[in-house]
């Protein structure tokens, strides 16, 4: 794919509290040179290990919802994601708990 490096199955993303994001990139047969699969904004991004607590009640981030995508490069007709994309980490109630941090694409 042309343009900027895309977020892919090997990228490293974190919630604002340090939980790690698992990227389930699906539906795209072409791989990047390192063997990773480019992610679409519609793929599942689940979060594990978030220690966030409200008061004394655990309120971990559990998923990422993408609000700014890379519309210049599409995968199977869906927007892709790059380092300029913006995602919000959501708790189990669906409320935003902060932005995802893209550590490595």
C-alpha atoms as a PDB file:
ATOM      1  CA  UNK A   1       0.000   0.000   0.000  1.00  0.00           C
ATOM      2  CA  UNK A   2       1.233   3.455  -0.827  1.00  0.00           C
ATOM      3  CA  UNK A   3       1.542   6.387   1.554  1.00  0.00           C
ATOM      4  CA  UNK A   4       2.206   6.432   5.270  1.00  0.00           C
ATOM      5  CA  UNK A   5       2.772   3.307   7.314  1.00  0.00           C
ATOM      6  CA  UNK A   6      -0.489   1.743   8.355  1.00  0.00           C
ATOM      7  CA  UNK A   7      -1.520   0.435  11.748  1.00  0.00           C
ATOM      8  CA  UNK A   8      -1.362  -3.329  11.421  1.00  0.00           C
ATOM      9  CA  UNK A   9      -1.529  -6.588  13.350  1.00  0.00           C
ATOM     10  CA  UNK A  10       2.019  -5.979  14.632  1.00  0.00           C
ATOM     11  CA  UNK A  11       1.497  -2.377  15.785  1.00  0.00           C
ATOM     12  CA  UNK A  12       1.732  -1.442  19.468  1.00  0.00           C
ATOM     13  CA  UNK A  13      -1.157   0.564  20.930  1.00  0.00           C
ATOM     14  CA  UNK A  14      -1.983   1.357  24.569  1.00  0.00           C
ATOM     15  CA  UNK A  15      -4.957   2.746  26.438  1.00  0.00           C
ATOM     16  CA  UNK A  16      -4.208   5.907  28.482  1.00  0.00           C
ATOM     17  CA  UNK A  17      -3.803   3.759  31.612  1.00  0.00           C
ATOM     18  CA  UNK A  18      -1.271   1.334  30.112  1.00  0.00           C
ATOM     19  CA  UNK A  19      -3.560  -1.490  28.971  1.00  0.00           C
ATOM     20  CA  UNK A  20      -2.464  -3.188  25.761  1.00  0.00           C
ATOM     21  CA  UNK A  21      -4.589  -3.166  22.627  1.00  0.00           C
ATOM     22  CA  UNK A  22      -5.065  -6.416  20.699  1.00  0.00           C
ATOM     23  CA  UNK A  23      -5.633  -5.808  16.996  1.00  0.00           C
ATOM     24  CA  UNK A  24      -7.757  -8.398  15.197  1.00  0.00           C
ATOM     25  CA  UNK A  25      -7.003  -7.364  11.605  1.00  0.00           C
ATOM     26  CA  UNK A  26      -9.249  -9.378   9.300  1.00  0.00           C
ATOM     27  CA  UNK A  27     -10.435  -9.755   5.765  1.00  0.00           C
ATOM     28  CA  UNK A  28      -7.358  -8.560   3.895  1.00  0.00           C
ATOM     29  CA  UNK A  29      -5.196 -11.130   2.169  1.00  0.00           C
ATOM     30  CA  UNK A  30      -2.232  -8.896   1.246  1.00  0.00           C
ATOM     31  CA  UNK A  31       0.415  -8.597   3.934  1.00  0.00           C
ATOM     32  CA  UNK A  32       2.990  -5.928   4.587  1.00  0.00           C
ATOM     33  CA  UNK A  33       6.662  -6.800   3.990  1.00  0.00           C
ATOM     34  CA  UNK A  34       7.113  -7.789   7.653  1.00  0.00           C
ATOM     35  CA  UNK A  35       4.192 -10.247   7.442  1.00  0.00           C
ATOM     36  CA  UNK A  36       1.703  -8.113   9.380  1.00  0.00           C
ATOM     37  CA  UNK A  37      -1.866  -7.497   8.225  1.00  0.00           C
ATOM     38  CA  UNK A  38      -3.053  -3.871   7.758  1.00  0.00           C
ATOM     39  CA  UNK A  39      -5.938  -2.935  10.065  1.00  0.00           C
ATOM     40  CA  UNK A  40      -9.238  -1.422   9.059  1.00  0.00           C
ATOM     41  CA  UNK A  41     -11.147   1.020  11.267  1.00  0.00           C
ATOM     42  CA  UNK A  42     -13.929  -1.592  11.411  1.00  0.00           C
ATOM     43  CA  UNK A  43     -11.659  -4.347  12.822  1.00  0.00           C
ATOM     44  CA  UNK A  44     -11.879  -5.299  16.509  1.00  0.00           C
ATOM     45  CA  UNK A  45      -9.468  -3.502  18.867  1.00  0.00           C
ATOM     46  CA  UNK A  46      -9.796  -4.997  22.358  1.00  0.00           C
ATOM     47  CA  UNK A  47      -7.922  -3.858  25.458  1.00  0.00           C
ATOM     48  CA  UNK A  48      -6.454  -6.072  28.170  1.00  0.00           C
ATOM     49  CA  UNK A  49      -4.731  -5.183  31.414  1.00  0.00           C
ATOM     50  CA  UNK A  50      -6.188  -1.708  31.943  1.00  0.00           C
ATOM     51  CA  UNK A  51      -5.903  -0.877  35.671  1.00  0.00           C
ATOM     52  CA  UNK A  52      -8.245   2.158  35.611  1.00  0.00           C
ATOM     53  CA  UNK A  53     -10.378   2.568  38.761  1.00  0.00           C
ATOM     54  CA  UNK A  54     -13.147   5.085  39.504  1.00  0.00           C
ATOM     55  CA  UNK A  55     -13.317   5.544  43.253  1.00  0.00           C
ATOM     56  CA  UNK A  56     -12.842   1.979  44.455  1.00  0.00           C
ATOM     57  CA  UNK A  57     -14.574   0.361  41.469  1.00  0.00           C
ATOM     58  CA  UNK A  58     -12.582  -1.099  38.546  1.00  0.00           C
ATOM     59  CA  UNK A  59     -13.490   0.597  35.262  1.00  0.00           C
ATOM     60  CA  UNK A  60     -11.031  -0.780  32.721  1.00  0.00           C
ATOM     61  CA  UNK A  61     -10.853   0.269  29.088  1.00  0.00           C
ATOM     62  CA  UNK A  62     -12.099  -2.644  26.960  1.00  0.00           C
ATOM     63  CA  UNK A  63     -12.159  -1.492  23.322  1.00  0.00           C
ATOM     64  CA  UNK A  64     -11.121   1.237  20.894  1.00  0.00           C
ATOM     65  CA  UNK A  65     -13.528   3.231  18.732  1.00  0.00           C
ATOM     66  CA  UNK A  66     -11.840   5.093  15.869  1.00  0.00           C
ATOM     67  CA  UNK A  67     -13.078   8.657  15.293  1.00  0.00           C
ATOM     68  CA  UNK A  68     -10.432   9.883  12.815  1.00  0.00           C
ATOM     69  CA  UNK A  69      -9.350   7.392  10.156  1.00  0.00           C
ATOM     70  CA  UNK A  70      -7.121   7.361   7.096  1.00  0.00           C
ATOM     71  CA  UNK A  71      -9.661   7.860   4.299  1.00  0.00           C
ATOM     72  CA  UNK A  72      -6.902   8.301   1.698  1.00  0.00           C
ATOM     73  CA  UNK A  73      -6.082   4.570   1.842  1.00  0.00           C
ATOM     74  CA  UNK A  74      -8.877   2.047   2.025  1.00  0.00           C
ATOM     75  CA  UNK A  75      -8.731  -1.685   2.659  1.00  0.00           C
ATOM     76  CA  UNK A  76     -11.565  -3.722   1.179  1.00  0.00           C
ATOM     77  CA  UNK A  77     -13.504  -0.444   0.855  1.00  0.00           C
ATOM     78  CA  UNK A  78     -13.037   0.478   4.534  1.00  0.00           C
ATOM     79  CA  UNK A  79     -10.856   3.318   5.909  1.00  0.00           C
ATOM     80  CA  UNK A  80      -7.427   2.231   7.108  1.00  0.00           C
ATOM     81  CA  UNK A  81      -5.552   3.595  10.127  1.00  0.00           C
ATOM     82  CA  UNK A  82      -2.179   5.326  10.428  1.00  0.00           C
ATOM     83  CA  UNK A  83      -0.193   7.260  13.040  1.00  0.00           C
ATOM     84  CA  UNK A  84      -2.437  10.315  12.502  1.00  0.00           C
ATOM     85  CA  UNK A  85      -5.633   8.365  13.250  1.00  0.00           C
ATOM     86  CA  UNK A  86      -7.490   9.057  16.504  1.00  0.00           C
ATOM     87  CA  UNK A  87      -9.146   6.400  18.603  1.00  0.00           C
ATOM     88  CA  UNK A  88     -11.034   6.617  21.894  1.00  0.00           C
ATOM     89  CA  UNK A  89     -10.710   3.917  24.538  1.00  0.00           C
ATOM     90  CA  UNK A  90     -14.104   2.898  25.878  1.00  0.00           C
ATOM     91  CA  UNK A  91     -15.058   1.325  29.180  1.00  0.00           C
ATOM     92  CA  UNK A  92     -17.688  -1.380  29.615  1.00  0.00           C
ATOM     93  CA  UNK A  93     -20.399   1.305  29.828  1.00  0.00           C
ATOM     94  CA  UNK A  94     -19.355   2.601  26.409  1.00  0.00           C
ATOM     95  CA  UNK A  95     -18.112   5.883  27.843  1.00  0.00           C
ATOM     96  CA  UNK A  96     -14.814   7.297  26.485  1.00  0.00           C
ATOM     97  CA  UNK A  97     -11.955   7.035  28.977  1.00  0.00           C
ATOM     98  CA  UNK A  98      -9.252   8.711  26.931  1.00  0.00           C
ATOM     99  CA  UNK A  99      -7.399   8.490  23.622  1.00  0.00           C
ATOM    100  CA  UNK A 100      -5.506   5.448  22.441  1.00  0.00           C
ATOM    101  CA  UNK A 101      -1.731   5.924  22.287  1.00  0.00           C
ATOM    102  CA  UNK A 102      -0.069   4.681  19.112  1.00  0.00           C
ATOM    103  CA  UNK A 103       3.386   3.561  20.258  1.00  0.00           C
ATOM    104  CA  UNK A 104       4.526   1.855  17.038  1.00  0.00           C
ATOM    105  CA  UNK A 105       2.954   1.343  13.606  1.00  0.00           C
END
